[in-house]
Amino acid sequence: MPLEEKIRSGAFVVFGEFEPPKGADFSPLLNKANLVRGRLDAIVIPEMAHAVLKASSLGGCAFLESHGFETVFQVCPRDRNRLALQADLLSAAALGIKNIMAVQGEDIRYGDHYQARAVNDLDLIELIEAIHHLKSGKDLAGIVLSQPAHFCVGSKFDLGAAGGFLEAEMDQLKEKIDLGVQFIVTSPIFDPRQLQQFTRRIEGSRTAIIPTVLLLKSAGMAKYIEQNLPNITIPPELIRSIQKAPNKPRQCVKIAGELIAQLKEMGMNGVMVSTAGWEDRLPQILDEARL
């Protein structure tokens, strides 16, 4: 069943995030995707996450689509102006890529090409408006397209934003929903209780909420996130469980799988599993989650 239909049906959807290569060989991407063929509803290809140069999301999606995988093309206004963004979106539609995730993109100064200049000709809401225009059969200049571009559109939400930043996120979320966004992927969570207040605030919306489950690689990684990323909270008992485990990578897989199972039990619309480059562990995570 195509992703858009599955979201509409209310079924639990499973995304896997797969990093494209920093190089011109896509075969490792295909090898990792083949490990979970038939077990994911779509593969999300990030667009130069953390502003680090890698092959593009469009290229990775087109490659995997040609091998029978449904993908999610991640598009951000950081690196392209409105002409280039619309050109990429039309190309994606022509290549059979049906799903789009609009994201802002991390600050380019913290990537591996800090001398680069961010573009940001459009902001995130304007980008989603551009996608809405293309779906309606016109470009941002109001010129009619020879054929509209049909997409299932998603975006992101920072679940850990605090105070006024959270209210700004909520206001932007309402704009996204009004523009027809069909699914929202949250920032990584490690405590399902974080979702309760959020889901109450958007109760009645038909937009699917897809929490992100991030695979921890070690207790050190967990402590670094807890200490340095204020928008992500990791319960201390979870970190202790990794420290005490005789097989620490296995415990990290177990934590991710159990969290996915909890989210499904809570009635969430789905999950995105981010393995931070450890895509070969994804089959074990899905086994643990009984998916």
C-alpha atoms as a PDB file:
ATOM      1  CA  MET A   1       0.000   0.000   0.000  1.00  0.00           C
ATOM      2  CA  PRO A   2       1.470   3.421  -0.905  1.00  0.00           C
ATOM      3  CA  LEU A   3       2.476   5.589   2.035  1.00  0.00           C
ATOM      4  CA  GLU A   4      -0.201   8.226   1.430  1.00  0.00           C
ATOM      5  CA  GLU A   5      -2.962   5.608   1.444  1.00  0.00           C
ATOM      6  CA  LYS A   6      -1.592   3.977   4.577  1.00  0.00           C
ATOM      7  CA  ILE A   7      -1.496   7.316   6.404  1.00  0.00           C
ATOM      8  CA  ARG A   8      -5.089   8.010   5.382  1.00  0.00           C
ATOM      9  CA  SER A   9      -6.157   4.570   6.600  1.00  0.00           C
ATOM     10  CA  GLY A  10      -4.808   5.284  10.080  1.00  0.00           C
ATOM     11  CA  ALA A  11      -2.431   2.324  10.003  1.00  0.00           C
ATOM     12  CA  PHE A  12       0.894   2.458  11.867  1.00  0.00           C
ATOM     13  CA  VAL A  13       3.580   3.576   9.412  1.00  0.00           C
ATOM     14  CA  VAL A  14       7.303   2.897   9.747  1.00  0.00           C
ATOM     15  CA  PHE A  15       9.998   5.139   8.270  1.00  0.00           C
ATOM     16  CA  GLY A  16      13.700   4.367   8.235  1.00  0.00           C
ATOM     17  CA  GLU A  17      16.203   7.202   7.901  1.00  0.00           C
ATOM     18  CA  PHE A  18      19.118   6.278   5.639  1.00  0.00           C
ATOM     19  CA  GLU A  19      22.065   8.638   5.167  1.00  0.00           C
ATOM     20  CA  PRO A  20      23.196   9.017   1.541  1.00  0.00           C
ATOM     21  CA  PRO A  21      26.925   8.464   0.929  1.00  0.00           C
ATOM     22  CA  LYS A  22      29.644  11.064   1.045  1.00  0.00           C
ATOM     23  CA  GLY A  23      30.825   9.892  -2.341  1.00  0.00           C
ATOM     24  CA  ALA A  24      29.630   8.771  -5.753  1.00  0.00           C
ATOM     25  CA  ASP A  25      28.961   5.093  -4.965  1.00  0.00           C
ATOM     26  CA  PHE A  26      25.325   4.391  -4.020  1.00  0.00           C
ATOM     27  CA  SER A  27      25.737   0.595  -3.691  1.00  0.00           C
ATOM     28  CA  PRO A  28      26.147   0.673   0.136  1.00  0.00           C
ATOM     29  CA  LEU A  29      22.837   2.556   0.366  1.00  0.00           C
ATOM     30  CA  LEU A  30      21.126  -0.173  -1.666  1.00  0.00           C
ATOM     31  CA  ASN A  31      22.758  -2.967   0.346  1.00  0.00           C
ATOM     32  CA  LYS A  32      21.468  -1.505   3.611  1.00  0.00           C
ATOM     33  CA  ALA A  33      18.001  -0.867   2.185  1.00  0.00           C
ATOM     34  CA  ASN A  34      17.789  -4.476   1.017  1.00  0.00           C
ATOM     35  CA  LEU A  35      18.241  -5.624   4.636  1.00  0.00           C
ATOM     36  CA  VAL A  36      14.773  -4.237   5.453  1.00  0.00           C
ATOM     37  CA  ARG A  37      13.031  -4.618   2.103  1.00  0.00           C
ATOM     38  CA  GLY A  38       9.308  -5.050   2.724  1.00  0.00           C
ATOM     39  CA  ARG A  39       9.555  -3.999   6.390  1.00  0.00           C
ATOM     40  CA  LEU A  40       9.453  -0.208   5.980  1.00  0.00           C
ATOM     41  CA  ASP A  41       6.716   1.924   4.479  1.00  0.00           C
ATOM     42  CA  ALA A  42       9.242   4.470   3.224  1.00  0.00           C
ATOM     43  CA  ILE A  43      12.925   5.360   3.438  1.00  0.00           C
ATOM     44  CA  VAL A  44      13.714   8.957   4.390  1.00  0.00           C
ATOM     45  CA  ILE A  45      16.871  10.344   2.770  1.00  0.00           C
ATOM     46  CA  PRO A  46      18.151  13.424   4.662  1.00  0.00           C
ATOM     47  CA  GLU A  47      19.254  16.495   2.735  1.00  0.00           C
ATOM     48  CA  MET A  48      22.817  17.077   3.975  1.00  0.00           C
ATOM     49  CA  ALA A  49      21.942  16.641   7.650  1.00  0.00           C
ATOM     50  CA  HIS A  50      23.961  18.842  10.023  1.00  0.00           C
ATOM     51  CA  ALA A  51      25.044  20.839   6.930  1.00  0.00           C
ATOM     52  CA  VAL A  52      27.595  18.131   6.058  1.00  0.00           C
ATOM     53  CA  LEU A  53      28.187  17.536   2.353  1.00  0.00           C
ATOM     54  CA  LYS A  54      26.754  14.244   1.122  1.00  0.00           C
ATOM     55  CA  ALA A  55      24.914  13.080  -1.971  1.00  0.00           C
ATOM     56  CA  SER A  56      21.573  14.824  -2.311  1.00  0.00           C
ATOM     57  CA  SER A  57      18.273  13.546  -1.027  1.00  0.00           C
ATOM     58  CA  LEU A  58      16.847  13.771  -4.547  1.00  0.00           C
ATOM     59  CA  GLY A  59      19.647  11.601  -5.914  1.00  0.00           C
ATOM     60  CA  GLY A  60      19.320   9.027  -3.142  1.00  0.00           C
ATOM     61  CA  CYS A  61      15.545   8.853  -3.497  1.00  0.00           C
ATOM     62  CA  ALA A  62      15.672   8.489  -7.288  1.00  0.00           C
ATOM     63  CA  PHE A  63      18.251   5.701  -6.937  1.00  0.00           C
ATOM     64  CA  LEU A  64      16.223   3.737  -4.370  1.00  0.00           C
ATOM     65  CA  GLU A  65      12.934   4.301  -6.217  1.00  0.00           C
ATOM     66  CA  SER A  66      14.555   2.717  -9.298  1.00  0.00           C
ATOM     67  CA  HIS A  67      15.183  -0.376  -7.146  1.00  0.00           C
ATOM     68  CA  GLY A  68      11.610  -0.651  -5.903  1.00  0.00           C
ATOM     69  CA  PHE A  69      11.667   1.295  -2.624  1.00  0.00           C
ATOM     70  CA  GLU A  70       9.219   4.024  -1.652  1.00  0.00           C
ATOM     71  CA  THR A  71      11.120   7.058  -0.402  1.00  0.00           C
ATOM     72  CA  VAL A  72      10.684  10.453   1.237  1.00  0.00           C
ATOM     73  CA  PHE A  73      12.552  13.306  -0.450  1.00  0.00           C
ATOM     74  CA  GLN A  74      13.767  15.816   2.131  1.00  0.00           C
ATOM     75  CA  VAL A  75      13.915  19.361   0.777  1.00  0.00           C
ATOM     76  CA  CYS A  76      15.193  22.460   2.581  1.00  0.00           C
ATOM     77  CA  PRO A  77      15.525  26.139   1.653  1.00  0.00           C
ATOM     78  CA  ARG A  78      18.991  26.492   3.194  1.00  0.00           C
ATOM     79  CA  ASP A  79      20.912  25.634   0.016  1.00  0.00           C
ATOM     80  CA  ARG A  80      18.653  26.569  -2.919  1.00  0.00           C
ATOM     81  CA  ASN A  81      16.623  29.526  -4.093  1.00  0.00           C
ATOM     82  CA  ARG A  82      12.974  29.293  -5.155  1.00  0.00           C
ATOM     83  CA  LEU A  83      13.874  28.464  -8.756  1.00  0.00           C
ATOM     84  CA  ALA A  84      16.113  25.544  -7.815  1.00  0.00           C
ATOM     85  CA  LEU A  85      13.684  24.269  -5.167  1.00  0.00           C
ATOM     86  CA  GLN A  86      10.772  24.190  -7.609  1.00  0.00           C
ATOM     87  CA  ALA A  87      12.971  22.581 -10.280  1.00  0.00           C
ATOM     88  CA  ASP A  88      13.985  19.808  -7.862  1.00  0.00           C
ATOM     89  CA  LEU A  89      10.384  19.255  -6.805  1.00  0.00           C
ATOM     90  CA  LEU A  90       9.164  18.976 -10.399  1.00  0.00           C
ATOM     91  CA  SER A  91      12.016  16.581 -11.146  1.00  0.00           C
ATOM     92  CA  ALA A  92      11.076  14.478  -8.118  1.00  0.00           C
ATOM     93  CA  ALA A  93       7.469  14.254  -9.318  1.00  0.00           C
ATOM     94  CA  ALA A  94       8.596  13.277 -12.820  1.00  0.00           C
ATOM     95  CA  LEU A  95      10.855  10.558 -11.365  1.00  0.00           C
ATOM     96  CA  GLY A  96       7.977   9.008  -9.406  1.00  0.00           C
ATOM     97  CA  ILE A  97       8.949  10.264  -5.954  1.00  0.00           C
ATOM     98  CA  LYS A  98       5.608  10.693  -4.214  1.00  0.00           C
ATOM     99  CA  ASN A  99       6.570  11.858  -0.709  1.00  0.00           C
ATOM    100  CA  ILE A 100       8.162  15.133   0.407  1.00  0.00           C
ATOM    101  CA  MET A 101       9.419  16.244   3.816  1.00  0.00           C
ATOM    102  CA  ALA A 102      10.011  20.000   4.046  1.00  0.00           C
ATOM    103  CA  VAL A 103      12.645  20.953   6.653  1.00  0.00           C
ATOM    104  CA  GLN A 104      14.501  24.147   7.497  1.00  0.00           C
ATOM    105  CA  GLY A 105      18.000  22.638   7.483  1.00  0.00           C
ATOM    106  CA  GLU A 106      20.628  23.056  10.211  1.00  0.00           C
ATOM    107  CA  ASP A 107      22.822  26.144  10.436  1.00  0.00           C
ATOM    108  CA  ILE A 108      25.456  25.899   7.718  1.00  0.00           C
ATOM    109  CA  ARG A 109      28.164  27.350   9.985  1.00  0.00           C
ATOM    110  CA  TYR A 110      28.356  24.102  11.945  1.00  0.00           C
ATOM    111  CA  GLY A 111      28.826  21.837   8.931  1.00  0.00           C
ATOM    112  CA  ASP A 112      31.954  20.808   7.053  1.00  0.00           C
ATOM    113  CA  HIS A 113      31.778  23.734   4.576  1.00  0.00           C
ATOM    114  CA  TYR A 114      31.412  26.620   7.016  1.00  0.00           C
ATOM    115  CA  GLN A 115      32.597  29.057   4.313  1.00  0.00           C
ATOM    116  CA  ALA A 116      29.427  28.365   2.310  1.00  0.00           C
ATOM    117  CA  ARG A 117      26.646  30.918   2.196  1.00  0.00           C
ATOM    118  CA  ALA A 118      23.144  29.898   3.191  1.00  0.00           C
ATOM    119  CA  VAL A 119      20.458  30.826   0.658  1.00  0.00           C
ATOM    120  CA  ASN A 120      17.122  30.800   2.512  1.00  0.00           C
ATOM    121  CA  ASP A 121      15.344  32.612  -0.314  1.00  0.00           C
ATOM    122  CA  LEU A 122      12.181  31.019   1.093  1.00  0.00           C
ATOM    123  CA  ASP A 123      11.454  30.227   4.710  1.00  0.00           C
ATOM    124  CA  LEU A 124       9.951  26.882   5.683  1.00  0.00           C
ATOM    125  CA  ILE A 125       6.308  27.986   5.449  1.00  0.00           C
ATOM    126  CA  GLU A 126       6.959  29.619   2.068  1.00  0.00           C
ATOM    127  CA  LEU A 127       8.539  26.377   0.875  1.00  0.00           C
ATOM    128  CA  ILE A 128       5.436  24.437   1.892  1.00  0.00           C
ATOM    129  CA  GLU A 129       3.335  27.075   0.121  1.00  0.00           C
ATOM    130  CA  ALA A 130       5.456  26.505  -3.006  1.00  0.00           C
ATOM    131  CA  ILE A 131       4.764  22.764  -2.812  1.00  0.00           C
ATOM    132  CA  HIS A 132       1.060  23.547  -2.418  1.00  0.00           C
ATOM    133  CA  HIS A 133       1.205  25.718  -5.563  1.00  0.00           C
ATOM    134  CA  LEU A 134       2.913  22.969  -7.570  1.00  0.00           C
ATOM    135  CA  LYS A 135       0.256  20.493  -6.461  1.00  0.00           C
ATOM    136  CA  SER A 136      -2.389  22.982  -7.621  1.00  0.00           C
ATOM    137  CA  GLY A 137      -0.761  23.230 -11.050  1.00  0.00           C
ATOM    138  CA  LYS A 138       1.036  26.581 -10.831  1.00  0.00           C
ATOM    139  CA  ASP A 139       4.516  27.752  -9.907  1.00  0.00           C
ATOM    140  CA  LEU A 140       5.314  30.569  -7.487  1.00  0.00           C
ATOM    141  CA  ALA A 141       5.166  33.075 -10.349  1.00  0.00           C
ATOM    142  CA  GLY A 142       1.573  32.014 -11.015  1.00  0.00           C
ATOM    143  CA  ILE A 143       2.425  30.335 -14.334  1.00  0.00           C
ATOM    144  CA  VAL A 144       0.429  27.208 -15.171  1.00  0.00           C
ATOM    145  CA  LEU A 145       2.397  23.957 -15.261  1.00  0.00           C
ATOM    146  CA  SER A 146       2.029  21.456 -18.080  1.00  0.00           C
ATOM    147  CA  GLN A 147       1.143  18.919 -15.363  1.00  0.00           C
ATOM    148  CA  PRO A 148       0.644  19.374 -11.607  1.00  0.00           C
ATOM    149  CA  ALA A 149       3.009  17.639  -9.185  1.00  0.00           C
ATOM    150  CA  HIS A 150       1.271  15.317  -6.734  1.00  0.00           C
ATOM    151  CA  PHE A 151       2.948  14.742  -3.382  1.00  0.00           C
ATOM    152  CA  CYS A 152       2.207  13.423   0.080  1.00  0.00           C
ATOM    153  CA  VAL A 153       3.709  16.262   2.117  1.00  0.00           C
ATOM    154  CA  GLY A 154       5.312  16.114   5.539  1.00  0.00           C
ATOM    155  CA  SER A 155       7.422  18.338   7.756  1.00  0.00           C
ATOM    156  CA  LYS A 156       9.108  18.353  11.163  1.00  0.00           C
ATOM    157  CA  PHE A 157       8.289  19.489  14.699  1.00  0.00           C
ATOM    158  CA  ASP A 158      10.704  20.224  17.555  1.00  0.00           C
ATOM    159  CA  LEU A 159       9.055  18.429  20.435  1.00  0.00           C
ATOM    160  CA  GLY A 160      11.640  19.654  22.948  1.00  0.00           C
ATOM    161  CA  ALA A 161      11.262  23.377  22.275  1.00  0.00           C
ATOM    162  CA  ALA A 162      10.587  25.306  25.472  1.00  0.00           C
ATOM    163  CA  GLY A 163       8.576  28.387  26.411  1.00  0.00           C
ATOM    164  CA  GLY A 164       8.044  30.862  23.615  1.00  0.00           C
ATOM    165  CA  PHE A 165       9.898  28.648  21.167  1.00  0.00           C
ATOM    166  CA  LEU A 166       7.325  25.907  21.701  1.00  0.00           C
ATOM    167  CA  GLU A 167       4.488  28.356  21.083  1.00  0.00           C
ATOM    168  CA  ALA A 168       6.209  29.480  17.866  1.00  0.00           C
ATOM    169  CA  GLU A 169       6.514  25.815  16.834  1.00  0.00           C
ATOM    170  CA  MET A 170       2.815  25.298  17.540  1.00  0.00           C
ATOM    171  CA  ASP A 171       1.832  28.385  15.541  1.00  0.00           C
ATOM    172  CA  GLN A 172       3.955  27.197  12.626  1.00  0.00           C
ATOM    173  CA  LEU A 173       2.482  23.711  12.931  1.00  0.00           C
ATOM    174  CA  LYS A 174      -1.017  25.160  12.504  1.00  0.00           C
ATOM    175  CA  GLU A 175       0.145  26.936   9.336  1.00  0.00           C
ATOM    176  CA  LYS A 176       1.632  23.692   8.032  1.00  0.00           C
ATOM    177  CA  ILE A 177      -1.597  21.791   8.669  1.00  0.00           C
ATOM    178  CA  ASP A 178      -3.642  24.549   6.995  1.00  0.00           C
ATOM    179  CA  LEU A 179      -1.387  24.169   3.935  1.00  0.00           C
ATOM    180  CA  GLY A 180      -2.190  20.469   3.698  1.00  0.00           C
ATOM    181  CA  VAL A 181       0.786  18.826   5.431  1.00  0.00           C
ATOM    182  CA  GLN A 182      -0.210  15.198   5.907  1.00  0.00           C
ATOM    183  CA  PHE A 183       2.427  13.963   8.339  1.00  0.00           C
ATOM    184  CA  ILE A 184       4.687  15.512  10.967  1.00  0.00           C
ATOM    185  CA  VAL A 185       7.932  13.881  12.091  1.00  0.00           C
ATOM    186  CA  THR A 186       8.993  14.924  15.595  1.00  0.00           C
ATOM    187  CA  SER A 187      12.485  15.436  16.952  1.00  0.00           C
ATOM    188  CA  PRO A 188      13.919  12.345  18.736  1.00  0.00           C
ATOM    189  CA  ILE A 189      12.132  11.256  21.902  1.00  0.00           C
ATOM    190  CA  PHE A 190      13.192   8.848  24.638  1.00  0.00           C
ATOM    191  CA  ASP A 191      10.214   9.229  26.965  1.00  0.00           C
ATOM    192  CA  PRO A 192       6.748   8.653  25.416  1.00  0.00           C
ATOM    193  CA  ARG A 193       5.197  10.882  28.064  1.00  0.00           C
ATOM    194  CA  GLN A 194       6.631  13.854  26.158  1.00  0.00           C
ATOM    195  CA  LEU A 195       4.035  13.214  23.473  1.00  0.00           C
ATOM    196  CA  GLN A 196       0.965  13.355  25.683  1.00  0.00           C
ATOM    197  CA  GLN A 197       0.655  17.130  26.037  1.00  0.00           C
ATOM    198  CA  PHE A 198       1.551  17.640  22.380  1.00  0.00           C
ATOM    199  CA  THR A 199      -1.040  15.197  21.056  1.00  0.00           C
ATOM    200  CA  ARG A 200      -3.735  16.772  23.249  1.00  0.00           C
ATOM    201  CA  ARG A 201      -3.026  20.186  21.726  1.00  0.00           C
ATOM    202  CA  ILE A 202      -3.552  18.960  18.169  1.00  0.00           C
ATOM    203  CA  GLU A 203      -6.423  16.601  18.932  1.00  0.00           C
ATOM    204  CA  GLY A 204      -8.849  16.457  16.023  1.00  0.00           C
ATOM    205  CA  SER A 205      -6.221  17.120  13.381  1.00  0.00           C
ATOM    206  CA  ARG A 206      -6.017  14.580  10.567  1.00  0.00           C
ATOM    207  CA  THR A 207      -2.260  15.075  10.284  1.00  0.00           C
ATOM    208  CA  ALA A 208      -0.313  11.940  11.217  1.00  0.00           C
ATOM    209  CA  ILE A 209       2.223  12.396  14.028  1.00  0.00           C
ATOM    210  CA  ILE A 210       5.373  10.328  13.525  1.00  0.00           C
ATOM    211  CA  PRO A 211       7.784  10.385  16.510  1.00  0.00           C
ATOM    212  CA  THR A 212      11.478   9.838  15.811  1.00  0.00           C
ATOM    213  CA  VAL A 213      13.256   7.031  17.665  1.00  0.00           C
ATOM    214  CA  LEU A 214      17.021   7.597  17.597  1.00  0.00           C
ATOM    215  CA  LEU A 215      19.295   4.597  18.078  1.00  0.00           C
ATOM    216  CA  LEU A 216      21.855   5.373  20.754  1.00  0.00           C
ATOM    217  CA  LYS A 217      25.272   3.891  20.049  1.00  0.00           C
ATOM    218  CA  SER A 218      26.678   4.075  23.571  1.00  0.00           C
ATOM    219  CA  ALA A 219      26.161   5.533  27.036  1.00  0.00           C
ATOM    220  CA  GLY A 220      28.670   8.215  26.030  1.00  0.00           C
ATOM    221  CA  MET A 221      26.493   9.272  23.114  1.00  0.00           C
ATOM    222  CA  ALA A 222      23.457   9.374  25.396  1.00  0.00           C
ATOM    223  CA  LYS A 223      25.271  11.530  27.978  1.00  0.00           C
ATOM    224  CA  TYR A 224      26.539  13.886  25.275  1.00  0.00           C
ATOM    225  CA  ILE A 225      23.005  14.390  23.935  1.00  0.00           C
ATOM    226  CA  GLU A 226      21.601  14.924  27.401  1.00  0.00           C
ATOM    227  CA  GLN A 227      24.275  17.495  28.298  1.00  0.00           C
ATOM    228  CA  ASN A 228      24.594  19.367  25.001  1.00  0.00           C
ATOM    229  CA  LEU A 229      21.242  19.191  23.197  1.00  0.00           C
ATOM    230  CA  PRO A 230      18.724  20.963  25.459  1.00  0.00           C
ATOM    231  CA  ASN A 231      15.761  20.067  23.261  1.00  0.00           C
ATOM    232  CA  ILE A 232      16.286  16.311  23.754  1.00  0.00           C
ATOM    233  CA  THR A 233      15.764  14.701  27.161  1.00  0.00           C
ATOM    234  CA  ILE A 234      17.063  11.217  27.969  1.00  0.00           C
ATOM    235  CA  PRO A 235      15.897   9.651  31.267  1.00  0.00           C
ATOM    236  CA  PRO A 236      18.889   8.901  33.558  1.00  0.00           C
ATOM    237  CA  GLU A 237      17.705   5.330  34.138  1.00  0.00           C
ATOM    238  CA  LEU A 238      17.973   4.694  30.401  1.00  0.00           C
ATOM    239  CA  ILE A 239      21.617   5.827  30.399  1.00  0.00           C
ATOM    240  CA  ARG A 240      22.342   3.650  33.453  1.00  0.00           C
ATOM    241  CA  SER A 241      20.828   0.631  31.728  1.00  0.00           C
ATOM    242  CA  ILE A 242      23.344   1.008  28.889  1.00  0.00           C
ATOM    243  CA  GLN A 243      26.252   1.484  31.303  1.00  0.00           C
ATOM    244  CA  LYS A 244      25.354  -1.684  33.224  1.00  0.00           C
ATOM    245  CA  ALA A 245      24.600  -3.887  30.204  1.00  0.00           C
ATOM    246  CA  PRO A 246      27.196  -6.582  29.388  1.00  0.00           C
ATOM    247  CA  ASN A 247      26.415  -6.109  25.681  1.00  0.00           C
ATOM    248  CA  LYS A 248      25.982  -2.368  25.289  1.00  0.00           C
ATOM    249  CA  PRO A 249      25.154  -2.251  21.531  1.00  0.00           C
ATOM    250  CA  ARG A 250      22.533  -4.936  22.108  1.00  0.00           C
ATOM    251  CA  GLN A 251      21.027  -2.883  24.949  1.00  0.00           C
ATOM    252  CA  CYS A 252      20.848   0.176  22.690  1.00  0.00           C
ATOM    253  CA  VAL A 253      18.947  -1.858  20.089  1.00  0.00           C
ATOM    254  CA  LYS A 254      16.637  -3.182  22.814  1.00  0.00           C
ATOM    255  CA  ILE A 255      15.872   0.350  24.061  1.00  0.00           C
ATOM    256  CA  ALA A 256      14.963   1.527  20.552  1.00  0.00           C
ATOM    257  CA  GLY A 257      12.792  -1.512  19.832  1.00  0.00           C
ATOM    258  CA  GLU A 258      10.923  -1.278  23.129  1.00  0.00           C
ATOM    259  CA  LEU A 259      10.285   2.431  22.620  1.00  0.00           C
ATOM    260  CA  ILE A 260       8.804   1.779  19.176  1.00  0.00           C
ATOM    261  CA  ALA A 261       6.530  -0.878  20.661  1.00  0.00           C
ATOM    262  CA  GLN A 262       5.377   1.586  23.358  1.00  0.00           C
ATOM    263  CA  LEU A 263       4.602   4.243  20.764  1.00  0.00           C
ATOM    264  CA  LYS A 264       2.538   1.787  18.765  1.00  0.00           C
ATOM    265  CA  GLU A 265       0.694   0.700  21.906  1.00  0.00           C
ATOM    266  CA  MET A 266      -0.080   4.371  22.660  1.00  0.00           C
ATOM    267  CA  GLY A 267      -1.853   4.666  19.318  1.00  0.00           C
ATOM    268  CA  MET A 268       0.687   6.889  17.595  1.00  0.00           C
ATOM    269  CA  ASN A 269       0.413   7.099  13.816  1.00  0.00           C
ATOM    270  CA  GLY A 270       3.855   5.648  13.198  1.00  0.00           C
ATOM    271  CA  VAL A 271       7.542   6.007  13.879  1.00  0.00           C
ATOM    272  CA  MET A 272      10.710   7.129  12.137  1.00  0.00           C
ATOM    273  CA  VAL A 273      13.756   5.103  13.114  1.00  0.00           C
ATOM    274  CA  SER A 274      17.025   7.018  12.865  1.00  0.00           C
ATOM    275  CA  THR A 275      20.119   4.868  13.266  1.00  0.00           C
ATOM    276  CA  ALA A 276      22.744   7.608  12.746  1.00  0.00           C
ATOM    277  CA  GLY A 277      24.656   5.555  10.205  1.00  0.00           C
ATOM    278  CA  TRP A 278      24.042   2.149  11.810  1.00  0.00           C
ATOM    279  CA  GLU A 279      21.412   1.106   9.279  1.00  0.00           C
ATOM    280  CA  ASP A 280      22.639  -2.484   9.521  1.00  0.00           C
ATOM    281  CA  ARG A 281      21.123  -2.586  13.042  1.00  0.00           C
ATOM    282  CA  LEU A 282      17.675  -1.667  11.755  1.00  0.00           C
ATOM    283  CA  PRO A 283      16.517  -5.291  11.213  1.00  0.00           C
ATOM    284  CA  GLN A 284      17.344  -6.063  14.859  1.00  0.00           C
ATOM    285  CA  ILE A 285      15.436  -2.982  16.035  1.00  0.00           C
ATOM    286  CA  LEU A 286      12.382  -3.986  14.015  1.00  0.00           C
ATOM    287  CA  ASP A 287      12.618  -7.520  15.401  1.00  0.00           C
ATOM    288  CA  GLU A 288      12.722  -6.129  18.938  1.00  0.00           C
ATOM    289  CA  ALA A 289       9.658  -3.970  18.162  1.00  0.00           C
ATOM    290  CA  ARG A 290       7.900  -6.959  16.531  1.00  0.00           C
ATOM    291  CA  LEU A 291       7.443  -5.146  13.258  1.00  0.00           C
END
